Amino acid sequence: MVSLKRLSSVSIRRGLPADLPDLDAVIEGCEAPPPAVALAAVLSARDRFIYLAETERAFGFVAAGTKAMGDERDGEGEILGLFVLPRFQGHGIGHKLLVQGISVLKRRHFETVIAWVWADSPAATRVLASVGFERVAQMQRMRNEGTATLVEDAWRIDLDGFF
């Protein structure tokens, strides 16, 4: 864990294509599967975005925008990924990044937001619940070329009452 003093100089800003190596390093440091959507595609898309948390280097980010699958006209946006390096967790950074992503989706007139997370990820489920997401579905998916079955939970929030 990092000291709170070190986190006093955290900035959250919009991700740029030049940030891709740092974003990949965050995913690798989290030892988590990558998002279903390629980060390079998110960074270059008009309907998707990334915000990152950094001190000297990025240590967390949220990717969001139109859903990875489905009809974008249905009014539902998606949190495509939320990652915070383990040593930076527990200081509210994931919460701040998530609120930033939801806020941008609301400004872009999305009515609801969905997020898919691994069911065995208590940190992710806590941060989603802390801003008002509710678990709405579950599905099993193969990971690592079919060697393991993991369970994903879908969480949804209605933006009507979000600030």
Protein backbone atom coordinates (compact mmCIF):
# COMPACT_ATOMS: atom_id res chain seq x y z
CA MET A 1 0.00 0.00 0.00
CA VAL A 2 1.15 3.54 -0.70
CA SER A 3 1.02 6.31 1.82
CA LEU A 4 -1.79 8.85 1.66
CA LYS A 5 0.85 11.58 1.48
CA ARG A 6 2.06 10.23 -1.86
CA LEU A 7 -1.51 10.17 -3.17
CA SER A 8 -1.99 13.87 -2.43
CA SER A 9 -0.60 14.67 -5.88
CA VAL A 10 -2.84 12.35 -7.90
CA SER A 11 -4.34 13.72 -11.07
CA ILE A 12 -7.11 12.22 -13.16
CA ARG A 13 -7.03 13.11 -16.85
CA ARG A 14 -8.26 11.93 -20.22
CA GLY A 15 -6.17 9.13 -21.69
CA LEU A 16 -4.23 9.67 -24.91
CA PRO A 17 -2.87 7.17 -27.44
CA ALA A 18 0.63 7.83 -26.05
CA ASP A 19 -0.58 6.43 -22.69
CA LEU A 20 -1.19 2.94 -24.11
CA PRO A 21 2.08 1.40 -22.74
CA ASP A 22 1.27 2.71 -19.24
CA LEU A 23 -2.31 1.41 -19.44
CA ASP A 24 -1.06 -2.02 -20.52
CA ALA A 25 1.37 -1.96 -17.58
CA VAL A 26 -1.53 -1.25 -15.20
CA ILE A 27 -3.47 -4.26 -16.50
CA GLU A 28 -0.37 -6.44 -16.21
CA GLY A 29 0.26 -5.19 -12.67
CA CYS A 30 -3.32 -6.00 -11.69
CA GLU A 31 -2.88 -9.57 -12.97
CA ALA A 32 -6.34 -9.26 -14.48
CA PRO A 33 -7.72 -10.24 -17.85
CA PRO A 34 -7.73 -7.33 -20.29
CA PRO A 35 -10.98 -5.58 -21.21
CA ALA A 36 -13.08 -7.13 -23.97
CA VAL A 37 -12.36 -4.07 -26.11
CA ALA A 38 -8.80 -3.22 -27.20
CA LEU A 39 -7.55 -0.12 -25.37
CA ALA A 40 -6.02 1.32 -28.55
CA ALA A 41 -9.50 1.21 -30.12
CA VAL A 42 -11.02 2.93 -27.08
CA LEU A 43 -8.40 5.70 -27.19
CA SER A 44 -9.09 6.41 -30.86
CA ALA A 45 -12.90 6.12 -30.76
CA ARG A 46 -15.26 9.08 -30.60
CA ASP A 47 -17.85 7.16 -28.60
CA ARG A 48 -15.48 5.73 -25.97
CA PHE A 49 -12.93 7.19 -23.57
CA ILE A 50 -10.35 6.45 -20.92
CA TYR A 51 -9.55 8.49 -17.83
CA LEU A 52 -6.40 7.63 -15.92
CA ALA A 53 -5.11 8.30 -12.43
CA GLU A 54 -1.44 9.14 -12.19
CA THR A 55 1.32 10.52 -10.04
CA GLU A 56 4.52 10.26 -12.06
CA ARG A 57 2.99 7.35 -14.01
CA ALA A 58 -0.48 5.94 -14.53
CA PHE A 59 -1.58 3.54 -11.80
CA GLY A 60 -5.28 3.19 -12.58
CA PHE A 61 -7.86 3.89 -15.25
CA VAL A 62 -11.47 3.60 -16.26
CA ALA A 63 -12.54 2.85 -19.84
CA ALA A 64 -16.15 3.53 -20.80
CA GLY A 65 -18.49 4.47 -23.61
CA THR A 66 -20.79 2.63 -25.94
CA LYS A 67 -21.28 -1.04 -25.10
CA ALA A 68 -18.83 -3.63 -26.37
CA MET A 69 -21.81 -5.58 -27.73
CA GLY A 70 -25.33 -4.42 -28.39
CA ASP A 71 -27.18 -1.46 -29.77
CA GLU A 72 -25.79 1.92 -28.74
CA ARG A 73 -29.20 3.49 -29.37
CA ASP A 74 -30.69 1.67 -26.38
CA GLY A 75 -29.42 4.38 -24.03
CA GLU A 76 -27.08 2.09 -22.12
CA GLY A 77 -23.36 2.84 -21.78
CA GLU A 78 -20.76 0.47 -20.42
CA ILE A 79 -17.83 0.56 -18.06
CA LEU A 80 -15.44 -1.36 -20.31
CA GLY A 81 -12.74 -1.67 -17.68
CA LEU A 82 -11.72 -0.35 -14.25
CA PHE A 83 -8.19 -1.10 -13.08
CA VAL A 84 -6.15 0.16 -10.12
CA LEU A 85 -2.76 -1.30 -9.25
CA PRO A 86 -3.03 -3.27 -6.00
CA ARG A 87 -0.62 -1.05 -4.04
CA PHE A 88 -2.85 1.97 -4.80
CA GLN A 89 -6.13 0.28 -3.83
CA GLY A 90 -7.98 1.18 -0.66
CA HIS A 91 -7.66 4.95 -1.05
CA GLY A 92 -10.81 5.66 -3.08
CA ILE A 93 -9.07 5.95 -6.45
CA GLY A 94 -11.25 3.26 -8.07
CA HIS A 95 -14.33 5.05 -6.75
CA LYS A 96 -13.15 8.39 -8.19
CA LEU A 97 -12.34 6.86 -11.56
CA LEU A 98 -15.71 5.10 -11.68
CA VAL A 99 -17.58 8.31 -10.81
CA GLN A 100 -15.61 10.13 -13.54
CA GLY A 101 -16.58 7.50 -16.11
CA ILE A 102 -20.25 7.53 -15.08
CA SER A 103 -20.32 11.34 -15.10
CA VAL A 104 -19.05 11.49 -18.68
CA LEU A 105 -21.57 8.85 -19.76
CA LYS A 106 -24.37 10.85 -18.16
CA ARG A 107 -23.22 14.04 -19.93
CA ARG A 108 -23.34 12.04 -23.17
CA HIS A 109 -27.02 11.29 -22.45
CA PHE A 110 -26.79 7.62 -21.53
CA GLU A 111 -29.69 6.55 -19.31
CA THR A 112 -28.13 3.47 -17.71
CA VAL A 113 -24.65 2.00 -17.40
CA ILE A 114 -23.67 -1.66 -17.26
CA ALA A 115 -20.41 -3.15 -15.99
CA TRP A 116 -19.32 -6.79 -16.25
CA VAL A 117 -16.91 -7.96 -13.54
CA TRP A 118 -15.49 -11.31 -12.50
CA ALA A 119 -17.67 -12.68 -9.72
CA ASP A 120 -14.57 -13.48 -7.65
CA SER A 121 -13.47 -9.83 -7.56
CA PRO A 122 -14.67 -8.43 -4.22
CA ALA A 123 -12.86 -5.09 -4.68
CA ALA A 124 -14.67 -4.47 -7.99
CA THR A 125 -18.07 -5.43 -6.61
CA ARG A 126 -17.55 -3.18 -3.56
CA VAL A 127 -16.68 -0.13 -5.65
CA LEU A 128 -19.63 -0.72 -8.02
CA ALA A 129 -22.05 -1.08 -5.12
CA SER A 130 -20.61 2.03 -3.44
CA VAL A 131 -21.83 4.27 -6.26
CA GLY A 132 -25.23 2.59 -6.65
CA PHE A 133 -24.76 -0.27 -9.13
CA GLU A 134 -26.91 -3.35 -8.56
CA ARG A 135 -26.11 -6.89 -9.67
CA VAL A 136 -28.57 -7.88 -12.41
CA ALA A 137 -27.22 -10.98 -14.17
CA GLN A 138 -24.54 -13.65 -14.21
CA MET A 139 -22.91 -15.67 -16.98
CA GLN A 140 -20.12 -18.20 -17.36
CA ARG A 141 -17.33 -17.57 -19.83
CA MET A 142 -14.30 -19.49 -20.96
CA ARG A 143 -10.96 -17.80 -20.36
CA ASN A 144 -7.41 -18.58 -21.48
CA GLU A 145 -8.30 -20.48 -24.64
CA GLY A 146 -10.93 -22.55 -22.90
CA THR A 147 -8.85 -23.86 -20.00
CA ALA A 148 -10.92 -22.26 -17.25
CA THR A 149 -14.52 -21.26 -16.78
CA LEU A 150 -15.06 -18.05 -14.91
CA VAL A 151 -18.24 -16.39 -13.78
CA GLU A 152 -18.99 -12.79 -14.67
CA ASP A 153 -21.62 -10.64 -12.99
CA ALA A 154 -23.44 -7.81 -14.73
CA TRP A 155 -24.02 -4.69 -12.63
CA ARG A 156 -26.27 -1.82 -13.72
CA ILE A 157 -26.99 1.69 -12.53
CA ASP A 158 -29.82 3.99 -13.61
CA LEU A 159 -28.39 7.45 -14.24
CA ASP A 160 -31.71 9.20 -13.66
CA GLY A 161 -30.90 9.66 -9.98
CA PHE A 162 -27.13 9.92 -10.34
CA PHE A 163 -26.29 13.46 -9.16
